Amino acid sequence: MAHNPQGQQPDPNNDPAGSTQMFRAFVDEGGGPQTRGPQQPAASAATPGPRIGLIVGIVVAVAVLAGVVWLAVG
């Protein structure tokens, strides 16, 4: 451990990056949970938009991988 000639102890609550203070300011800025009337349902099977993109991406990746394997073997 390094010698501290001033005898000062490091502050255990010090956040050199300041991220904790920024997070607390962000949370405090909102003022807690807000009620906005009727709650919107979470993304589920009723909203297939992002899921379709994911499925198409996986199918394309499998097809490309199969093509690479076919070329490597053949």
PDB file of N, CA and C in Angstrom:
ATOM      1  N   MET A   1       0.846  -1.173   0.000  1.00  0.00           N
ATOM      2  CA  MET A   1       0.000   0.000   0.000  1.00  0.00           C
ATOM      3  C   MET A   1       0.889   1.231   0.000  1.00  0.00           C
ATOM      4  N   ALA A   2       0.511   2.251  -0.746  1.00  0.00           N
ATOM      5  CA  ALA A   2       1.312   3.465  -0.856  1.00  0.00           C
ATOM      6  C   ALA A   2       1.211   4.291   0.416  1.00  0.00           C
ATOM      7  N   HIS A   3       2.284   4.994   0.726  1.00  0.00           N
ATOM      8  CA  HIS A   3       2.319   5.854   1.899  1.00  0.00           C
ATOM      9  C   HIS A   3       1.695   7.191   1.560  1.00  0.00           C
ATOM     10  N   ASN A   4       0.782   7.656   2.404  1.00  0.00           N
ATOM     11  CA  ASN A   4       0.103   8.918   2.191  1.00  0.00           C
ATOM     12  C   ASN A   4       0.608   9.908   3.237  1.00  0.00           C
ATOM     13  N   PRO A   5       1.528  10.821   2.858  1.00  0.00           N
ATOM     14  CA  PRO A   5       2.137  11.704   3.860  1.00  0.00           C
ATOM     15  C   PRO A   5       1.163  12.696   4.481  1.00  0.00           C
ATOM     16  N   GLN A   6       0.085  13.055   3.817  1.00  0.00           N
ATOM     17  CA  GLN A   6      -0.845  14.007   4.391  1.00  0.00           C
ATOM     18  C   GLN A   6      -1.758  13.351   5.423  1.00  0.00           C
ATOM     19  N   GLY A   7      -1.824  12.041   5.444  1.00  0.00           N
ATOM     20  CA  GLY A   7      -2.658  11.348   6.393  1.00  0.00           C
ATOM     21  C   GLY A   7      -4.127  11.355   6.004  1.00  0.00           C
ATOM     22  N   GLN A   8      -4.429  11.705   4.767  1.00  0.00           N
ATOM     23  CA  GLN A   8      -5.817  11.741   4.327  1.00  0.00           C
ATOM     24  C   GLN A   8      -6.239  10.347   3.872  1.00  0.00           C
ATOM     25  N   GLN A   9      -7.417   9.979   4.264  1.00  0.00           N
ATOM     26  CA  GLN A   9      -7.967   8.699   3.846  1.00  0.00           C
ATOM     27  C   GLN A   9      -8.757   8.907   2.560  1.00  0.00           C
ATOM     28  N   PRO A  10      -8.700   7.947   1.637  1.00  0.00           N
ATOM     29  CA  PRO A  10      -9.518   8.091   0.430  1.00  0.00           C
ATOM     30  C   PRO A  10     -10.998   8.019   0.783  1.00  0.00           C
ATOM     31  N   ASP A  11     -11.777   8.800   0.090  1.00  0.00           N
ATOM     32  CA  ASP A  11     -13.216   8.846   0.330  1.00  0.00           C
ATOM     33  C   ASP A  11     -13.860   7.610  -0.290  1.00  0.00           C
ATOM     34  N   PRO A  12     -14.489   6.731   0.518  1.00  0.00           N
ATOM     35  CA  PRO A  12     -15.082   5.518  -0.057  1.00  0.00           C
ATOM     36  C   PRO A  12     -16.292   5.817  -0.941  1.00  0.00           C
ATOM     37  N   ASN A  13     -16.866   7.009  -0.827  1.00  0.00           N
ATOM     38  CA  ASN A  13     -18.025   7.373  -1.640  1.00  0.00           C
ATOM     39  C   ASN A  13     -17.638   8.145  -2.897  1.00  0.00           C
ATOM     40  N   ASN A  14     -16.347   8.321  -3.137  1.00  0.00           N
ATOM     41  CA  ASN A  14     -15.883   9.063  -4.294  1.00  0.00           C
ATOM     42  C   ASN A  14     -16.087   8.233  -5.556  1.00  0.00           C
ATOM     43  N   ASP A  15     -16.679   8.828  -6.560  1.00  0.00           N
ATOM     44  CA  ASP A  15     -16.888   8.178  -7.847  1.00  0.00           C
ATOM     45  C   ASP A  15     -16.101   8.975  -8.881  1.00  0.00           C
ATOM     46  N   PRO A  16     -14.884   8.537  -9.235  1.00  0.00           N
ATOM     47  CA  PRO A  16     -14.043   9.337 -10.129  1.00  0.00           C
ATOM     48  C   PRO A  16     -14.696   9.619 -11.480  1.00  0.00           C
ATOM     49  N   ALA A  17     -15.473   8.678 -12.000  1.00  0.00           N
ATOM     50  CA  ALA A  17     -16.101   8.894 -13.301  1.00  0.00           C
ATOM     51  C   ALA A  17     -17.346   9.752 -13.182  1.00  0.00           C
ATOM     52  N   GLY A  18     -17.915   9.852 -12.010  1.00  0.00           N
ATOM     53  CA  GLY A  18     -19.105  10.654 -11.811  1.00  0.00           C
ATOM     54  C   GLY A  18     -20.376   9.979 -12.304  1.00  0.00           C
ATOM     55  N   SER A  19     -20.296   8.702 -12.639  1.00  0.00           N
ATOM     56  CA  SER A  19     -21.474   8.038 -13.197  1.00  0.00           C
ATOM     57  C   SER A  19     -22.581   7.883 -12.159  1.00  0.00           C
ATOM     58  N   THR A  20     -22.220   7.688 -10.909  1.00  0.00           N
ATOM     59  CA  THR A  20     -23.245   7.540  -9.883  1.00  0.00           C
ATOM     60  C   THR A  20     -24.004   8.845  -9.709  1.00  0.00           C
ATOM     61  N   GLN A  21     -23.269   9.955  -9.696  1.00  0.00           N
ATOM     62  CA  GLN A  21     -23.937  11.244  -9.545  1.00  0.00           C
ATOM     63  C   GLN A  21     -24.826  11.531 -10.749  1.00  0.00           C
ATOM     64  N   MET A  22     -24.355  11.190 -11.953  1.00  0.00           N
ATOM     65  CA  MET A  22     -25.173  11.422 -13.142  1.00  0.00           C
ATOM     66  C   MET A  22     -26.419  10.550 -13.121  1.00  0.00           C
ATOM     67  N   PHE A  23     -26.282   9.306 -12.668  1.00  0.00           N
ATOM     68  CA  PHE A  23     -27.438   8.421 -12.597  1.00  0.00           C
ATOM     69  C   PHE A  23     -28.449   8.938 -11.588  1.00  0.00           C
ATOM     70  N   ARG A  24     -27.968   9.363 -10.435  1.00  0.00           N
ATOM     71  CA  ARG A  24     -28.882   9.891  -9.419  1.00  0.00           C
ATOM     72  C   ARG A  24     -29.590  11.139  -9.920  1.00  0.00           C
ATOM     73  N   ALA A  25     -28.878  11.990 -10.650  1.00  0.00           N
ATOM     74  CA  ALA A  25     -29.509  13.186 -11.192  1.00  0.00           C
ATOM     75  C   ALA A  25     -30.568  12.808 -12.219  1.00  0.00           C
ATOM     76  N   PHE A  26     -30.286  11.786 -13.026  1.00  0.00           N
ATOM     77  CA  PHE A  26     -31.256  11.323 -14.021  1.00  0.00           C
ATOM     78  C   PHE A  26     -32.499  10.776 -13.346  1.00  0.00           C
ATOM     79  N   VAL A  27     -32.319   9.976 -12.297  1.00  0.00           N
ATOM     80  CA  VAL A  27     -33.454   9.389 -11.601  1.00  0.00           C
ATOM     81  C   VAL A  27     -34.245  10.467 -10.875  1.00  0.00           C
ATOM     82  N   ASP A  28     -33.549  11.373 -10.212  1.00  0.00           N
ATOM     83  CA  ASP A  28     -34.228  12.427  -9.467  1.00  0.00           C
ATOM     84  C   ASP A  28     -34.965  13.388 -10.398  1.00  0.00           C
ATOM     85  N   GLU A  29     -34.476  13.558 -11.608  1.00  0.00           N
ATOM     86  CA  GLU A  29     -35.096  14.464 -12.570  1.00  0.00           C
ATOM     87  C   GLU A  29     -36.500  14.005 -12.931  1.00  0.00           C
ATOM     88  N   GLY A  30     -36.699  12.691 -12.991  1.00  0.00           N
ATOM     89  CA  GLY A  30     -38.003  12.151 -13.357  1.00  0.00           C
ATOM     90  C   GLY A  30     -39.022  12.298 -12.254  1.00  0.00           C
ATOM     91  N   GLY A  31     -38.618  12.387 -11.028  1.00  0.00           N
ATOM     92  CA  GLY A  31     -39.542  12.537  -9.920  1.00  0.00           C
ATOM     93  C   GLY A  31     -40.268  11.256  -9.560  1.00  0.00           C
ATOM     94  N   GLY A  32     -39.707  10.122  -9.890  1.00  0.00           N
ATOM     95  CA  GLY A  32     -40.317   8.847  -9.531  1.00  0.00           C
ATOM     96  C   GLY A  32     -41.245   8.341 -10.614  1.00  0.00           C
ATOM     97  N   PRO A  33     -41.986   7.291 -10.295  1.00  0.00           N
ATOM     98  CA  PRO A  33     -42.889   6.720 -11.296  1.00  0.00           C
ATOM     99  C   PRO A  33     -43.993   7.702 -11.664  1.00  0.00           C
ATOM    100  N   GLN A  34     -44.281   7.753 -12.940  1.00  0.00           N
ATOM    101  CA  GLN A  34     -45.316   8.652 -13.413  1.00  0.00           C
ATOM    102  C   GLN A  34     -46.483   7.838 -13.953  1.00  0.00           C
ATOM    103  N   THR A  35     -47.673   8.345 -13.718  1.00  0.00           N
ATOM    104  CA  THR A  35     -48.842   7.673 -14.266  1.00  0.00           C
ATOM    105  C   THR A  35     -49.281   8.437 -15.502  1.00  0.00           C
ATOM    106  N   ARG A  36     -49.467   7.714 -16.594  1.00  0.00           N
ATOM    107  CA  ARG A  36     -49.825   8.349 -17.860  1.00  0.00           C
ATOM    108  C   ARG A  36     -51.173   7.849 -18.360  1.00  0.00           C
ATOM    109  N   GLY A  37     -52.079   7.565 -17.477  1.00  0.00           N
ATOM    110  CA  GLY A  37     -53.375   7.057 -17.890  1.00  0.00           C
ATOM    111  C   GLY A  37     -53.298   5.550 -18.078  1.00  0.00           C
ATOM    112  N   PRO A  38     -53.964   5.018 -19.103  1.00  0.00           N
ATOM    113  CA  PRO A  38     -53.930   3.567 -19.301  1.00  0.00           C
ATOM    114  C   PRO A  38     -52.541   3.097 -19.680  1.00  0.00           C
ATOM    115  N   GLN A  39     -52.153   1.986 -19.088  1.00  0.00           N
ATOM    116  CA  GLN A  39     -50.821   1.465 -19.359  1.00  0.00           C
ATOM    117  C   GLN A  39     -50.793   0.763 -20.697  1.00  0.00           C
ATOM    118  N   GLN A  40     -49.671   0.937 -21.397  1.00  0.00           N
ATOM    119  CA  GLN A  40     -49.504   0.283 -22.684  1.00  0.00           C
ATOM    120  C   GLN A  40     -48.987  -1.128 -22.450  1.00  0.00           C
ATOM    121  N   PRO A  41     -49.489  -2.102 -23.211  1.00  0.00           N
ATOM    122  CA  PRO A  41     -49.008  -3.463 -23.031  1.00  0.00           C
ATOM    123  C   PRO A  41     -47.563  -3.599 -23.490  1.00  0.00           C
ATOM    124  N   ALA A  42     -46.858  -4.491 -22.847  1.00  0.00           N
ATOM    125  CA  ALA A  42     -45.476  -4.746 -23.227  1.00  0.00           C
ATOM    126  C   ALA A  42     -45.444  -5.450 -24.579  1.00  0.00           C
ATOM    127  N   ALA A  43     -44.285  -5.393 -25.227  1.00  0.00           N
ATOM    128  CA  ALA A  43     -44.141  -6.055 -26.524  1.00  0.00           C
ATOM    129  C   ALA A  43     -44.349  -7.550 -26.342  1.00  0.00           C
ATOM    130  N   SER A  44     -45.248  -8.106 -27.114  1.00  0.00           N
ATOM    131  CA  SER A  44     -45.561  -9.522 -26.981  1.00  0.00           C
ATOM    132  C   SER A  44     -45.746 -10.107 -28.356  1.00  0.00           C
ATOM    133  N   ALA A  45     -46.382 -11.263 -28.425  1.00  0.00           N
ATOM    134  CA  ALA A  45     -46.604 -11.928 -29.693  1.00  0.00           C
ATOM    135  C   ALA A  45     -47.540 -11.116 -30.580  1.00  0.00           C
ATOM    136  N   ALA A  46     -48.279 -10.177 -30.017  1.00  0.00           N
ATOM    137  CA  ALA A  46     -49.197  -9.364 -30.804  1.00  0.00           C
ATOM    138  C   ALA A  46     -48.446  -8.365 -31.677  1.00  0.00           C
ATOM    139  N   THR A  47     -47.196  -8.051 -31.331  1.00  0.00           N
ATOM    140  CA  THR A  47     -46.390  -7.133 -32.134  1.00  0.00           C
ATOM    141  C   THR A  47     -45.208  -7.893 -32.718  1.00  0.00           C
ATOM    142  N   PRO A  48     -45.375  -8.508 -33.882  1.00  0.00           N
ATOM    143  CA  PRO A  48     -44.331  -9.367 -34.430  1.00  0.00           C
ATOM    144  C   PRO A  48     -43.250  -8.626 -35.203  1.00  0.00           C
ATOM    145  N   GLY A  49     -43.258  -7.316 -35.254  1.00  0.00           N
ATOM    146  CA  GLY A  49     -42.306  -6.552 -36.050  1.00  0.00           C
ATOM    147  C   GLY A  49     -40.847  -6.928 -35.822  1.00  0.00           C
ATOM    148  N   PRO A  50     -40.308  -6.718 -34.648  1.00  0.00           N
ATOM    149  CA  PRO A  50     -38.897  -7.030 -34.419  1.00  0.00           C
ATOM    150  C   PRO A  50     -38.606  -8.529 -34.502  1.00  0.00           C
ATOM    151  N   ARG A  51     -39.571  -9.361 -34.161  1.00  0.00           N
ATOM    152  CA  ARG A  51     -39.344 -10.800 -34.205  1.00  0.00           C
ATOM    153  C   ARG A  51     -39.144 -11.308 -35.619  1.00  0.00           C
ATOM    154  N   ILE A  52     -39.879 -10.752 -36.557  1.00  0.00           N
ATOM    155  CA  ILE A  52     -39.747 -11.198 -37.940  1.00  0.00           C
ATOM    156  C   ILE A  52     -38.346 -10.894 -38.455  1.00  0.00           C
ATOM    157  N   GLY A  53     -37.831  -9.735 -38.131  1.00  0.00           N
ATOM    158  CA  GLY A  53     -36.472  -9.381 -38.543  1.00  0.00           C
ATOM    159  C   GLY A  53     -35.444 -10.327 -37.959  1.00  0.00           C
ATOM    160  N   LEU A  54     -35.634 -10.702 -36.716  1.00  0.00           N
ATOM    161  CA  LEU A  54     -34.716 -11.631 -36.066  1.00  0.00           C
ATOM    162  C   LEU A  54     -34.768 -12.996 -36.735  1.00  0.00           C
ATOM    163  N   ILE A  55     -35.961 -13.471 -37.025  1.00  0.00           N
ATOM    164  CA  ILE A  55     -36.110 -14.781 -37.657  1.00  0.00           C
ATOM    165  C   ILE A  55     -35.494 -14.771 -39.056  1.00  0.00           C
ATOM    166  N   VAL A  56     -35.754 -13.721 -39.817  1.00  0.00           N
ATOM    167  CA  VAL A  56     -35.179 -13.615 -41.165  1.00  0.00           C
ATOM    168  C   VAL A  56     -33.655 -13.570 -41.080  1.00  0.00           C
ATOM    169  N   GLY A  57     -33.122 -12.839 -40.120  1.00  0.00           N
ATOM    170  CA  GLY A  57     -31.668 -12.764 -39.957  1.00  0.00           C
ATOM    171  C   GLY A  57     -31.057 -14.117 -39.632  1.00  0.00           C
ATOM    172  N   ILE A  58     -31.724 -14.882 -38.779  1.00  0.00           N
ATOM    173  CA  ILE A  58     -31.211 -16.210 -38.427  1.00  0.00           C
ATOM    174  C   ILE A  58     -31.264 -17.135 -39.637  1.00  0.00           C
ATOM    175  N   VAL A  59     -32.356 -17.073 -40.406  1.00  0.00           N
ATOM    176  CA  VAL A  59     -32.476 -17.923 -41.591  1.00  0.00           C
ATOM    177  C   VAL A  59     -31.388 -17.571 -42.609  1.00  0.00           C
ATOM    178  N   VAL A  60     -31.127 -16.287 -42.802  1.00  0.00           N
ATOM    179  CA  VAL A  60     -30.075 -15.867 -43.738  1.00  0.00           C
ATOM    180  C   VAL A  60     -28.703 -16.336 -43.246  1.00  0.00           C
ATOM    181  N   ALA A  61     -28.448 -16.212 -41.952  1.00  0.00           N
ATOM    182  CA  ALA A  61     -27.163 -16.643 -41.400  1.00  0.00           C
ATOM    183  C   ALA A  61     -26.974 -18.145 -41.580  1.00  0.00           C
ATOM    184  N   VAL A  62     -28.017 -18.928 -41.347  1.00  0.00           N
ATOM    185  CA  VAL A  62     -27.923 -20.381 -41.524  1.00  0.00           C
ATOM    186  C   VAL A  62     -27.689 -20.706 -42.992  1.00  0.00           C
ATOM    187  N   ALA A  63     -28.359 -19.990 -43.904  1.00  0.00           N
ATOM    188  CA  ALA A  63     -28.178 -20.241 -45.337  1.00  0.00           C
ATOM    189  C   ALA A  63     -26.756 -19.918 -45.773  1.00  0.00           C
ATOM    190  N   VAL A  64     -26.221 -18.812 -45.289  1.00  0.00           N
ATOM    191  CA  VAL A  64     -24.837 -18.446 -45.634  1.00  0.00           C
ATOM    192  C   VAL A  64     -23.867 -19.470 -45.076  1.00  0.00           C
ATOM    193  N   LEU A  65     -24.086 -19.897 -43.839  1.00  0.00           N
ATOM    194  CA  LEU A  65     -23.212 -20.899 -43.239  1.00  0.00           C
ATOM    195  C   LEU A  65     -23.297 -22.216 -44.014  1.00  0.00           C
ATOM    196  N   ALA A  66     -24.489 -22.620 -44.426  1.00  0.00           N
ATOM    197  CA  ALA A  66     -24.638 -23.836 -45.200  1.00  0.00           C
ATOM    198  C   ALA A  66     -23.923 -23.710 -46.536  1.00  0.00           C
ATOM    199  N   GLY A  67     -24.011 -22.545 -47.179  1.00  0.00           N
ATOM    200  CA  GLY A  67     -23.289 -22.329 -48.444  1.00  0.00           C
ATOM    201  C   GLY A  67     -21.795 -22.408 -48.276  1.00  0.00           C
ATOM    202  N   VAL A  68     -21.268 -21.851 -47.209  1.00  0.00           N
ATOM    203  CA  VAL A  68     -19.824 -21.899 -46.953  1.00  0.00           C
ATOM    204  C   VAL A  68     -19.385 -23.341 -46.720  1.00  0.00           C
ATOM    205  N   VAL A  69     -20.140 -24.086 -45.950  1.00  0.00           N
ATOM    206  CA  VAL A  69     -19.803 -25.486 -45.682  1.00  0.00           C
ATOM    207  C   VAL A  69     -19.881 -26.291 -46.991  1.00  0.00           C
ATOM    208  N   TRP A  70     -20.889 -26.028 -47.815  1.00  0.00           N
ATOM    209  CA  TRP A  70     -21.055 -26.741 -49.082  1.00  0.00           C
ATOM    210  C   TRP A  70     -19.867 -26.467 -50.012  1.00  0.00           C
ATOM    211  N   LEU A  71     -19.415 -25.211 -50.044  1.00  0.00           N
ATOM    212  CA  LEU A  71     -18.270 -24.883 -50.871  1.00  0.00           C
ATOM    213  C   LEU A  71     -16.973 -25.494 -50.323  1.00  0.00           C
ATOM    214  N   ALA A  72     -16.843 -25.542 -49.032  1.00  0.00           N
ATOM    215  CA  ALA A  72     -15.640 -26.107 -48.421  1.00  0.00           C
ATOM    216  C   ALA A  72     -15.558 -27.609 -48.639  1.00  0.00           C
ATOM    217  N   VAL A  73     -16.675 -28.297 -48.568  1.00  0.00           N
ATOM    218  CA  VAL A  73     -16.694 -29.753 -48.738  1.00  0.00           C
ATOM    219  C   VAL A  73     -16.605 -30.114 -50.225  1.00  0.00           C
ATOM    220  N   GLY A  74     -17.274 -29.367 -51.052  1.00  0.00           N
ATOM    221  CA  GLY A  74     -17.373 -29.697 -52.480  1.00  0.00           C
ATOM    222  C   GLY A  74     -16.177 -29.259 -53.196  1.00  0.00           C
TER     223      GLY A  74
END
